[in-house]
Amino acid sequence: MKALIQRVSSCSVTIDNKVVANIQKGLLVLVGFEDADNNEDLIWLKSKIANLRIFGDENEVMNLSLKEVGGDMIIVSQFTLHANTKKGNRPSYIKAAKAEVAIPLYEAFITQMETELGKKVQTGKFGADMKVALLNDGPVTIIIDTKNKE
């Protein structure tokens, strides 16, 4: 699994001109799955993201997690995180999981994240053409790959 995490002041997801997700202070999590991903990856990633200390404390030092600041989250499926650009100029997505593998992982990740945070997580729609609008706060953008836990 790969995730791109962005700390946001605001974020929304629009599908077919309808806003389906909208948050203020929190995280936008773009997540991509590959065939080798499993429940162990989900558990590790949801814990890592929920506890990332990337929000400012009283001294404006990044020392607080999303859980500690009571922020919200939007999770969006993003198969292009597995783009391979080694050859030519057209990315290959051969490592990205097909829908029959990725959808159950995506749904399980959302459920596990909601349990970890103790609140509802907003989402996009798997496979939809989404318009994601965000105001990156910082900017803070972090990439996490469960296959590289060092």
Foldseek 3Di string as FASTA:
>chain_A
DKKKKFFFQKKWKDFPNRTQDIFGGDIEIEDFDFPPDDPVLLLVVLVCQQAQQQAQDPVGDSGGGCLRVVGAYEYEYDLCVQWDCPDDHDTDSVRTYDCVRVVVVVVVSQVVNCVVSVHHHTYDDPPGDMDMDTHGPVGDMDMDDSVDPD
